[in-house]
C-alpha cells in the first residue's frame, strides 16, 4: 500500500468514526495505518536531512552531522 492509499484509508475510517463509529477491528486498522504513515514520514524526513550539505567558511561542502 502506498502513502496515498494509506492516507485515503485513514481519512475514510476517520469519517466513518465521526458518522457512525468504528468496530474494534477498524479502530485497530486505523491505529496501525497511522503508525505506518508516521514511520514512512520519519524515514522520508531523515533521508531528506541526510542528503543536505552546507558550504563552510572554507568554501567546501560539508555533510550535516546528526546531534546525539
Protein backbone atom coordinates (compact mmCIF):
# COMPACT_ATOMS: atom_id res chain seq x y z
CA UNK A 1 0.00 0.00 0.00
CA UNK A 2 1.50 3.34 -0.96
CA UNK A 3 1.31 6.50 1.12
CA UNK A 4 -1.60 8.00 -0.82
CA UNK A 5 -3.66 4.85 -0.27
CA UNK A 6 -2.79 4.83 3.44
CA UNK A 7 -3.90 8.46 3.80
CA UNK A 8 -7.12 7.80 1.89
CA UNK A 9 -7.96 4.79 4.08
CA UNK A 10 -7.19 6.73 7.28
CA UNK A 11 -9.49 9.51 6.07
CA UNK A 12 -12.26 7.00 5.26
CA UNK A 13 -12.02 5.47 8.72
CA UNK A 14 -11.96 8.88 10.40
CA UNK A 15 -15.06 9.99 8.50
CA UNK A 16 -16.83 6.76 9.42
CA UNK A 17 -15.82 7.24 13.05
CA UNK A 18 -17.42 10.69 13.09
CA UNK A 19 -20.63 9.49 11.46
CA UNK A 20 -21.46 6.01 12.79
CA UNK A 21 -18.44 4.84 14.77
CA UNK A 22 -15.85 2.14 14.20
CA UNK A 23 -15.68 -1.50 15.10
CA UNK A 24 -12.80 -2.82 17.19
CA UNK A 25 -11.08 -4.18 14.05
CA UNK A 26 -11.43 -0.86 12.23
CA UNK A 27 -10.04 1.03 15.23
CA UNK A 28 -7.00 -1.26 15.25
CA UNK A 29 -6.60 -0.89 11.48
CA UNK A 30 -6.70 2.90 11.77
CA UNK A 31 -4.08 2.85 14.54
CA UNK A 32 -1.76 0.58 12.55
CA UNK A 33 -2.19 2.70 9.40
CA UNK A 34 -1.38 5.85 11.35
CA UNK A 35 1.73 4.21 12.81
CA UNK A 36 2.82 3.09 9.32
CA UNK A 37 2.28 6.61 7.95
CA UNK A 38 4.31 8.20 10.75
CA UNK A 39 7.11 5.68 10.22
CA UNK A 40 7.26 6.41 6.49
CA UNK A 41 7.14 10.16 7.13
CA UNK A 42 10.08 9.95 9.53
CA UNK A 43 12.10 7.83 7.09
CA UNK A 44 11.44 10.33 4.32
CA UNK A 45 12.39 13.27 6.53
CA UNK A 46 15.60 11.57 7.67
CA UNK A 47 16.54 10.75 4.07
CA UNK A 48 16.00 14.36 3.11
CA UNK A 49 18.04 15.67 6.01
CA UNK A 50 20.81 13.15 5.36
CA UNK A 51 21.21 14.50 1.83
CA UNK A 52 21.78 18.11 2.95
CA UNK A 53 25.21 19.64 2.56
CA UNK A 54 26.29 23.14 3.53
CA UNK A 55 29.12 25.34 2.31
CA UNK A 56 31.57 26.05 5.12
CA UNK A 57 33.74 29.10 5.64
CA UNK A 58 36.47 27.29 3.71
CA UNK A 59 34.23 27.12 0.61
CA UNK A 60 33.90 23.33 0.70
CA UNK A 61 30.76 21.24 1.03
CA UNK A 62 30.23 19.58 4.40
CA UNK A 63 27.63 16.99 5.28
CA UNK A 64 25.34 17.78 8.20
CA UNK A 65 26.08 15.71 11.28
CA UNK A 66 23.39 14.23 13.48
CA UNK A 67 23.02 15.51 17.01
CA UNK A 68 23.17 12.92 19.71
